[in-house]
């Protein structure tokens, strides 16, 4: 199992089923550490031998087990593997200026540091919608946005 804290993903891999009875499914069990929450992912394609979990929450540890089930209902599970949660810190608001007359606000914030970053308002999709100013330097240390 591999955990990537920069993307907030866990990649689980296992060997292919080689039993005598026909294959039925792989079950990936994900348990949220120190809770009663458990998710089950059923995979019925015997050629699949890995799964990337992209639905991890920040600051949350997980425990995983992978099982294989044959058509007779016999199941065998792997030993438990764990991953730590990935930390997420706050984004620092550097400047906030409101212009009541124009009905807009100008914001500038610091770079996000943490895993599983999927974008802040003000990304490319917002620029296409005309919701962001043209002051955003590509690859710069700060982001700027104008919302109105």
Foldseek 3Di string as FASTA:
>chain_A
DDADWAARKDKAFDDFDDDPAAWAWKWKWKDWPPDRDIDIDTGGDRVDGMDMDNPDDAQIKIKIKMWTAGPVGDIDIDDIDIDGGKHWDDKAWDDWADDVVVGKIKTKIFDTDTHNDPDDQPDPVNVVVVFADPPADVPDGMGMGMGD
